[in-house]
Amino acid sequence: MPAAQQPDWRKHAAYDEACQGLASAPPLVTAAEVRGLRRSLSALLTTDALLLQLGDCAESFYECTPWHISEKLRVIDELGDRFSELTGRRVIRVGRMGGQFAKPRSQPTERHGALIIPSFQGHMINSEIATPMTRQPNPERMLWAYDAGDRVQRAMRTHRRGDGRTPETEGPWSSHEALVIDYESRLIRRDPDTDELYLASTHLPWVGERTRQPADAHVALLSAVVNPVGCKIGPTANPDDIARLCAALDPRREPGRLVLIPRMGRDRIQEILPPLVRRVANAGHPVVWLSDPMHGNTVKTRLGLKTRHLDDVITEALRFRDIVEESRQHAAGLHLEVAADEVTECVGGSVGSEDELPRHYTSLCDPRLNAGQALELVEAWAKGTATGGS
C-alpha cells in the first residue's frame, strides 16, 4: 500500500535481520495495558475527565537514561496535577515517550553550507549529525529504538504501579506517531486473552497530518489493531476527509477508540474546525477531541530558528475549546511538545524575545515549551483566558 515518509533502506545489508529481530521481540506494552487505557479514554466522554499528552518533539536515544526518564515523568506529573487542581477534574496523562524516534519532514533534503544532504528524520532512521554519511537511513536503528523504548516503557510501568500519587488508570501511558511501517508492522501482537491484534510498540499510536489518507498504509495498520488511536488534523482537512478517516479507524463507533487532534493555527482554526466537529458528531463517532495548538503556529526567526509564540499557542487552544463545546462535544484537553529542562525554544513567559532563543535551544526537530510555559497554557485553559504573562 502507499506509505509516505518512509526511509529508503530495503537494500541495506542489515534490513532483513533488523525486521526479523523486531518480529520475534517481546512486546513493549501489554494487551492488558492497552485495554486499560481504552477504558480510561472511554470514560472521558461520560465523566468530563481531561487528557494531557505531552513530551518531546523527537525523542533522543541519548535521553533514554534513568535520570532523563525520571525528569520527564516528573514534568508530566507536575503539569497533570496542576491541570487537575485547576479544573477539579481527573486528568489522564500520556507521554510522547518510548517510541517518538521518527519524524515526518516537509522536505527530503536540507542545506548545510555548500552541501545538500538528507533531512534528519529522527533517531530511528538517521543521525542528527549533519554529514552525508550520518544522514543515510540505517535499519539497525530500529533495533536501537526498540531497546531505548523498552527502557522507557519499563520505567513508565514501574511509575504507574508504584508512585501512589495518582490511580494507575490515569497513567502515565506512552504514545508516539506510528510513522515507520517497517518498525510498527513487526510489533503487532495478539492479545492472549481476546486473540485480537494490538500494536505492542506503544499504548496510544497516532497517524500524522501527512500520512492520514484512508487508503494508505498508516491508516490501514492502525485500523487493524485494537489500541486507542489518534490522528492529527491540519488546515487542509475538510469534512469529507475526516468522515472517511473516522469510518476507517472507528467503524464500530466505539468510545475510547479514536482521538482526533486538530493542529490548524490560531487563525485558521475558526474557519476550518467547526464543520469538522459537526460532521463527526452527526456521523455518530464518539471521538476524544484533543488540541495540538503548537504545530500550526510554527514560524522562523530572522536567525533561521523555528519557534512558536506562547500567545498564539494559548489563543488556538482556547479557540479549539470554544468551538468543540459550542458543538456540544467534550473538549478533552491538550497535546503539547514540552521539554523536561528549561529550554528557550518558544517565545513567551520566561523567554522574553526571539533574541533569547539561542540560549538553550536543544530540540532535535521542532521547538518545545518549557515547563513554565506549559503551565501558563494549562492555567489559561482552566481560566478560559490568556494569563497575560506571555
Protein backbone atom coordinates (compact mmCIF):
# COMPACT_ATOMS: atom_id res chain seq x y z
CA MET A 1 0.00 0.00 0.00
CA PRO A 2 1.17 3.59 -0.48
CA ALA A 3 3.18 4.82 2.51
CA ALA A 4 4.56 8.34 2.66
CA GLN A 5 7.63 9.45 4.63
CA GLN A 6 9.33 6.02 4.62
CA PRO A 7 13.13 5.54 4.70
CA ASP A 8 14.77 4.02 1.62
CA TRP A 9 16.66 1.19 3.31
CA ARG A 10 15.35 -2.11 1.97
CA LYS A 11 18.58 -2.81 0.10
CA HIS A 12 20.67 -2.21 3.24
CA ALA A 13 22.59 -5.30 4.37
CA ALA A 14 21.05 -5.13 7.85
CA TYR A 15 17.41 -4.74 6.74
CA ASP A 16 16.23 -8.36 6.90
CA GLU A 17 17.96 -9.08 10.19
CA ALA A 18 16.52 -5.94 11.80
CA CYS A 19 12.99 -6.78 10.69
CA GLN A 20 13.30 -10.38 11.88
CA GLY A 21 14.65 -9.21 15.23
CA LEU A 22 11.67 -6.95 15.78
CA ALA A 23 9.18 -9.61 14.69
CA SER A 24 10.49 -12.05 17.33
CA ALA A 25 10.97 -9.49 20.13
CA PRO A 26 8.77 -9.37 23.24
CA PRO A 27 6.00 -6.74 23.22
CA LEU A 28 6.94 -3.36 24.62
CA VAL A 29 3.47 -2.82 26.09
CA THR A 30 0.96 -5.42 27.20
CA ALA A 31 -2.51 -6.05 25.85
CA ALA A 32 -3.95 -5.53 29.34
CA GLU A 33 -2.37 -2.06 29.48
CA VAL A 34 -3.87 -1.18 26.10
CA ARG A 35 -7.31 -2.29 27.29
CA GLY A 36 -6.86 -0.23 30.45
CA LEU A 37 -6.11 2.95 28.51
CA ARG A 38 -9.09 2.39 26.23
CA ARG A 39 -11.38 2.12 29.25
CA SER A 40 -9.95 5.36 30.64
CA LEU A 41 -10.40 7.19 27.34
CA SER A 42 -13.94 5.87 27.02
CA ALA A 43 -14.71 7.32 30.46
CA LEU A 44 -13.63 10.78 29.26
CA LEU A 45 -16.85 11.04 27.32
CA THR A 46 -19.11 10.36 30.30
CA THR A 47 -17.23 11.89 33.23
CA ASP A 48 -15.79 15.13 31.74
CA ALA A 49 -12.31 13.99 32.73
CA LEU A 50 -9.39 15.51 30.82
CA LEU A 51 -6.44 14.23 28.81
CA LEU A 52 -2.95 15.75 28.84
CA GLN A 53 -0.50 14.39 26.27
CA LEU A 54 2.99 15.86 26.27
CA GLY A 55 6.67 15.26 25.69
CA ASP A 56 9.49 15.72 23.24
CA CYS A 57 9.02 16.61 19.60
CA ALA A 58 11.60 13.94 18.74
CA GLU A 59 12.97 11.66 21.45
CA SER A 60 16.72 11.20 21.63
CA PHE A 61 18.36 7.82 22.12
CA TYR A 62 20.78 9.64 24.41
CA GLU A 63 17.97 10.79 26.71
CA CYS A 64 16.53 7.35 27.49
CA THR A 65 18.57 7.08 30.68
CA PRO A 66 17.01 6.61 34.14
CA TRP A 67 17.65 10.26 35.02
CA HIS A 68 16.15 11.67 31.83
CA ILE A 69 13.11 9.39 32.06
CA SER A 70 12.58 10.39 35.68
CA GLU A 71 12.71 14.09 34.80
CA LYS A 72 10.18 13.67 32.00
CA LEU A 73 7.82 11.76 34.28
CA ARG A 74 8.23 14.47 36.92
CA VAL A 75 7.11 17.16 34.46
CA ILE A 76 4.14 15.04 33.33
CA ASP A 77 3.11 14.57 36.96
CA GLU A 78 3.50 18.23 37.86
CA LEU A 79 1.53 19.51 34.88
CA GLY A 80 -1.10 16.80 35.22
CA ASP A 81 -1.54 17.52 38.92
CA ARG A 82 -1.86 21.25 38.27
CA PHE A 83 -4.34 20.70 35.44
CA SER A 84 -6.45 18.55 37.76
CA GLU A 85 -6.20 21.03 40.63
CA LEU A 86 -7.23 23.99 38.47
CA THR A 87 -10.15 22.27 36.74
CA GLY A 88 -11.33 19.98 39.53
CA ARG A 89 -11.29 17.08 37.07
CA ARG A 90 -9.46 13.79 36.77
CA VAL A 91 -6.59 14.02 34.27
CA ILE A 92 -5.30 11.08 32.23
CA ARG A 93 -1.60 11.58 31.46
CA VAL A 94 0.05 10.37 28.24
CA GLY A 95 3.72 10.94 27.45
CA ARG A 96 5.24 11.34 24.00
CA MET A 97 7.74 8.75 25.21
CA GLY A 98 9.06 5.28 24.48
CA GLY A 99 8.96 5.46 20.71
CA GLN A 100 8.83 9.04 19.37
CA PHE A 101 12.02 8.40 17.43
CA ALA A 102 10.85 9.14 13.87
CA LYS A 103 9.68 12.42 12.37
CA PRO A 104 7.92 13.28 9.10
CA ARG A 105 9.61 16.13 7.26
CA SER A 106 8.26 18.64 4.79
CA GLN A 107 11.44 18.45 2.67
CA PRO A 108 13.58 15.33 2.00
CA THR A 109 16.83 17.32 1.98
CA GLU A 110 18.33 20.34 3.70
CA ARG A 111 21.28 22.63 3.04
CA HIS A 112 24.33 22.79 5.32
CA GLY A 113 26.81 25.26 3.93
CA ALA A 114 27.62 24.14 0.41
CA LEU A 115 26.17 20.65 0.99
CA ILE A 116 22.64 19.42 0.35
CA ILE A 117 22.09 16.33 2.49
CA PRO A 118 19.11 14.19 3.57
CA SER A 119 16.96 15.73 6.28
CA PHE A 120 17.14 14.41 9.82
CA GLN A 121 14.17 12.04 10.24
CA GLY A 122 14.61 11.02 13.87
CA HIS A 123 17.00 8.66 15.61
CA MET A 124 15.12 5.58 14.39
CA ILE A 125 16.14 6.46 10.82
CA ASN A 126 19.33 8.54 10.78
CA SER A 127 21.54 10.83 12.86
CA GLU A 128 21.12 14.48 13.71
CA ILE A 129 24.82 14.95 12.85
CA ALA A 130 24.82 16.83 9.57
CA THR A 131 27.04 14.88 7.19
CA PRO A 132 26.09 12.93 4.05
CA MET A 133 27.15 9.64 5.67
CA THR A 134 25.36 10.03 9.01
CA ARG A 135 22.13 11.07 7.29
CA GLN A 136 21.85 7.80 5.38
CA PRO A 137 18.94 5.67 6.70
CA ASN A 138 20.10 2.65 8.70
CA PRO A 139 17.59 -0.12 9.57
CA GLU A 140 19.72 -1.23 12.52
CA ARG A 141 18.43 1.90 14.22
CA MET A 142 15.03 0.23 14.52
CA LEU A 143 16.61 -2.24 16.95
CA TRP A 144 18.23 0.63 18.85
CA ALA A 145 14.81 2.30 19.01
CA TYR A 146 13.27 -0.89 20.38
CA ASP A 147 15.94 -1.14 23.10
CA ALA A 148 15.55 2.53 24.04
CA GLY A 149 11.76 2.19 24.05
CA ASP A 150 12.00 -0.87 26.27
CA ARG A 151 13.94 1.09 28.89
CA VAL A 152 11.35 3.87 28.82
CA GLN A 153 8.34 1.54 28.94
CA ARG A 154 9.74 -0.39 31.92
CA ALA A 155 10.31 2.84 33.83
CA MET A 156 6.83 4.13 33.00
CA ARG A 157 5.26 0.84 34.09
CA THR A 158 7.07 0.98 37.43
CA HIS A 159 5.99 4.59 37.86
CA ARG A 160 2.34 3.81 37.10
CA ARG A 161 2.25 0.98 39.59
CA GLY A 162 4.27 2.45 42.37
CA ASP A 163 4.10 6.22 42.58
CA GLY A 164 0.98 6.21 44.81
CA ARG A 165 0.08 9.78 43.82
CA THR A 166 -2.48 9.00 41.11
CA PRO A 167 -4.53 5.94 40.21
CA GLU A 168 -2.82 3.59 37.76
CA THR A 169 -5.68 4.22 35.32
CA GLU A 170 -4.52 7.82 34.93
CA GLY A 171 -1.11 6.79 33.62
CA PRO A 172 1.26 7.99 32.53
CA TRP A 173 0.78 5.97 29.34
CA SER A 174 3.05 6.02 26.29
CA SER A 175 2.38 7.36 22.79
CA HIS A 176 4.17 8.12 19.56
CA GLU A 177 3.48 8.71 15.89
CA ALA A 178 3.32 5.33 14.15
CA LEU A 179 5.39 6.56 11.22
CA VAL A 180 7.85 3.84 10.19
CA ILE A 181 5.81 0.97 8.77
CA ASP A 182 8.75 -1.47 8.91
CA TYR A 183 9.01 -0.91 12.66
CA GLU A 184 5.35 -0.78 13.63
CA SER A 185 4.16 -3.70 11.49
CA ARG A 186 6.75 -6.03 13.06
CA LEU A 187 5.47 -5.17 16.54
CA ILE A 188 1.86 -6.23 16.06
CA ARG A 189 0.97 -8.98 18.55
CA ARG A 190 -2.11 -10.96 19.62
CA ASP A 191 -3.88 -10.32 22.89
CA PRO A 192 -3.56 -13.65 24.74
CA ASP A 193 -6.98 -13.17 26.32
CA THR A 194 -9.05 -11.98 23.35
CA ASP A 195 -6.95 -13.08 20.34
CA GLU A 196 -7.31 -9.57 18.92
CA LEU A 197 -4.37 -7.82 17.26
CA TYR A 198 -2.78 -4.91 19.07
CA LEU A 199 0.22 -2.70 18.42
CA ALA A 200 2.81 -3.59 21.05
CA SER A 201 5.14 -0.64 20.40
CA THR A 202 3.05 1.86 22.41
CA HIS A 203 -0.26 2.32 24.15
CA LEU A 204 -1.58 5.19 22.01
CA PRO A 205 -0.21 5.39 18.44
CA TRP A 206 -1.22 8.22 16.20
CA VAL A 207 -1.12 8.94 12.47
CA GLY A 208 0.10 12.32 11.33
CA GLU A 209 -1.29 15.03 9.08
CA ARG A 210 0.99 13.91 6.24
CA THR A 211 0.08 10.20 6.46
CA ARG A 212 -3.64 10.13 7.30
CA GLN A 213 -5.00 9.09 3.90
CA PRO A 214 -7.58 6.30 4.46
CA ALA A 215 -6.31 4.23 1.51
CA ASP A 216 -2.67 4.34 2.64
CA ALA A 217 -0.62 2.02 4.81
CA HIS A 218 -0.56 4.04 8.03
CA VAL A 219 -4.33 4.17 8.42
CA ALA A 220 -4.66 0.53 7.34
CA LEU A 221 -2.16 -0.53 10.00
CA LEU A 222 -3.94 1.34 12.80
CA SER A 223 -7.32 0.13 11.55
CA ALA A 224 -6.15 -3.45 12.13
CA VAL A 225 -5.28 -3.08 15.84
CA VAL A 226 -7.43 -2.53 18.94
CA ASN A 227 -5.28 0.18 20.56
CA PRO A 228 -6.82 3.58 21.03
CA VAL A 229 -5.52 5.53 18.05
CA GLY A 230 -5.05 9.21 17.33
CA CYS A 231 -4.93 11.31 14.20
CA LYS A 232 -3.53 14.79 13.67
CA ILE A 233 -5.74 17.04 11.55
CA GLY A 234 -4.20 20.02 9.79
CA PRO A 235 -5.65 23.04 7.98
CA THR A 236 -6.03 21.21 4.64
CA ALA A 237 -8.66 18.84 6.07
CA ASN A 238 -12.29 19.01 5.01
CA PRO A 239 -15.37 17.28 6.43
CA ASP A 240 -15.38 14.55 3.76
CA ASP A 241 -11.71 13.73 4.52
CA ILE A 242 -12.38 13.36 8.21
CA ALA A 243 -15.61 11.39 7.72
CA ARG A 244 -13.71 8.83 5.63
CA LEU A 245 -10.91 8.73 8.17
CA CYS A 246 -13.31 8.12 11.06
CA ALA A 247 -15.05 5.37 9.09
CA ALA A 248 -11.70 3.65 8.56
CA LEU A 249 -10.38 3.98 12.11
CA ASP A 250 -13.62 3.77 14.09
CA PRO A 251 -16.10 1.73 12.01
CA ARG A 252 -17.95 0.42 15.08
CA ARG A 253 -18.19 3.85 16.72
CA GLU A 254 -16.60 2.72 19.97
CA PRO A 255 -15.99 5.18 22.82
CA GLY A 256 -12.28 5.39 23.67
CA ARG A 257 -11.12 4.19 20.26
CA LEU A 258 -10.38 7.40 18.33
CA VAL A 259 -8.63 10.62 19.38
CA LEU A 260 -8.78 13.48 16.86
CA ILE A 261 -6.09 16.14 17.31
CA PRO A 262 -6.59 19.37 15.31
CA ARG A 263 -3.40 21.38 14.63
CA MET A 264 -4.50 24.27 12.48
CA GLY A 265 -3.05 27.58 13.65
CA ARG A 266 -4.64 30.31 15.75
CA ASP A 267 -6.42 31.99 12.83
CA ARG A 268 -7.42 29.15 10.53
CA ILE A 269 -8.96 27.00 13.27
CA GLN A 270 -12.02 29.27 13.50
CA GLU A 271 -12.89 28.65 9.86
CA ILE A 272 -11.92 25.00 9.45
CA LEU A 273 -12.70 23.21 12.71
CA PRO A 274 -16.44 23.92 13.28
CA PRO A 275 -17.74 21.98 10.23
CA LEU A 276 -15.37 19.09 11.00
CA VAL A 277 -16.68 18.76 14.55
CA ARG A 278 -20.28 18.88 13.35
CA ARG A 279 -19.66 16.26 10.65
CA VAL A 280 -18.01 13.84 13.06
CA ALA A 281 -20.76 14.31 15.65
CA ASN A 282 -23.51 13.82 13.07
CA ALA A 283 -21.82 10.62 11.89
CA GLY A 284 -22.06 9.24 15.43
CA HIS A 285 -18.35 8.83 16.14
CA PRO A 286 -17.74 9.30 19.91
CA VAL A 287 -14.24 10.70 19.46
CA VAL A 288 -11.95 12.29 22.01
CA TRP A 289 -11.18 15.86 20.83
CA LEU A 290 -7.68 17.00 21.79
CA SER A 291 -5.98 20.29 20.88
CA ASP A 292 -2.47 20.44 19.45
CA PRO A 293 -2.05 24.24 19.48
CA MET A 294 1.64 24.16 18.57
CA HIS A 295 2.25 22.76 15.09
CA GLY A 296 0.04 25.23 13.27
CA ASN A 297 1.81 28.18 14.89
CA THR A 298 5.42 27.49 13.92
CA VAL A 299 7.37 30.46 12.50
CA LYS A 300 11.01 31.14 11.61
CA THR A 301 13.04 33.90 13.18
CA ARG A 302 15.42 36.17 11.33
CA LEU A 303 18.22 33.84 12.53
CA GLY A 304 16.52 30.87 10.85
CA LEU A 305 15.38 29.16 14.09
CA LYS A 306 11.92 27.65 14.22
CA THR A 307 9.86 28.92 17.13
CA ARG A 308 6.33 29.30 18.46
CA HIS A 309 4.86 32.21 20.36
CA LEU A 310 3.07 31.26 23.57
CA ASP A 311 0.34 33.84 22.93
CA ASP A 312 -0.51 32.11 19.65
CA VAL A 313 -0.47 28.68 21.27
CA ILE A 314 -2.82 29.79 24.05
CA THR A 315 -5.14 31.51 21.60
CA GLU A 316 -5.52 28.40 19.44
CA ALA A 317 -6.12 26.16 22.46
CA LEU A 318 -8.88 28.41 23.79
CA ARG A 319 -10.49 28.79 20.38
CA PHE A 320 -10.41 24.99 19.98
CA ARG A 321 -12.15 24.53 23.30
CA ASP A 322 -14.84 27.06 22.49
CA ILE A 323 -15.52 25.57 19.05
CA VAL A 324 -15.80 22.00 20.33
CA GLU A 325 -18.02 22.95 23.25
CA GLU A 326 -20.28 25.10 21.05
CA SER A 327 -20.97 21.89 19.11
CA ARG A 328 -21.89 20.20 22.42
CA GLN A 329 -18.87 17.94 22.30
CA HIS A 330 -16.26 17.40 25.03
CA ALA A 331 -13.03 19.38 24.60
CA ALA A 332 -10.85 16.77 26.29
CA GLY A 333 -7.54 18.60 26.68
CA LEU A 334 -4.13 19.28 25.20
CA HIS A 335 -1.42 17.60 23.12
CA LEU A 336 1.85 19.50 23.63
CA GLU A 337 5.54 19.37 22.85
CA VAL A 338 7.20 20.06 26.21
CA ALA A 339 10.80 19.61 27.33
CA ALA A 340 11.81 18.37 30.77
CA ASP A 341 14.52 21.02 31.11
CA GLU A 342 14.40 24.81 30.89
CA VAL A 343 14.73 25.18 27.14
CA THR A 344 14.40 28.51 25.35
CA GLU A 345 12.76 27.37 22.13
CA CYS A 346 9.39 29.16 22.25
CA VAL A 347 8.82 32.87 22.86
CA GLY A 348 6.73 33.86 25.86
CA GLY A 349 6.74 33.56 29.62
CA SER A 350 10.35 33.13 30.75
CA VAL A 351 11.62 33.71 27.17
CA GLY A 352 11.08 37.38 26.58
CA SER A 353 12.02 37.69 22.92
CA GLU A 354 13.42 35.86 19.90
CA ASP A 355 16.87 37.12 20.85
CA GLU A 356 16.83 34.75 23.85
CA LEU A 357 16.11 31.59 21.84
CA PRO A 358 19.76 30.55 21.23
CA ARG A 359 20.45 30.50 24.98
CA HIS A 360 19.22 26.92 25.42
CA TYR A 361 17.78 25.62 22.15
CA THR A 362 18.35 21.84 22.14
CA SER A 363 15.40 20.30 20.26
CA LEU A 364 16.25 17.69 17.63
CA CYS A 365 13.42 19.00 15.44
CA ASP A 366 10.62 21.37 16.45
CA PRO A 367 10.56 23.94 19.30
CA ARG A 368 9.15 22.79 22.63
CA LEU A 369 7.64 24.66 25.54
CA ASN A 370 9.49 24.57 28.83
CA ALA A 371 7.54 23.51 31.90
CA GLY A 372 6.81 27.08 32.98
CA GLN A 373 5.38 27.98 29.60
CA ALA A 374 3.30 24.79 29.56
CA LEU A 375 1.97 25.71 32.99
CA GLU A 376 0.83 29.11 31.65
CA LEU A 377 -1.06 27.30 28.91
CA VAL A 378 -2.69 24.88 31.37
CA GLU A 379 -3.71 27.80 33.59
CA ALA A 380 -5.13 29.71 30.62
CA TRP A 381 -7.22 26.67 29.64
CA ALA A 382 -8.55 26.34 33.18
CA LYS A 383 -9.38 30.05 33.46
CA GLY A 384 -10.66 30.40 29.92
CA THR A 385 -8.46 33.39 29.16
CA ALA A 386 -4.80 34.15 28.47
CA THR A 387 -2.72 34.67 31.60
CA GLY A 388 -1.13 37.88 30.41
CA GLY A 389 2.35 36.62 31.31
CA SER A 390 3.41 35.82 27.76
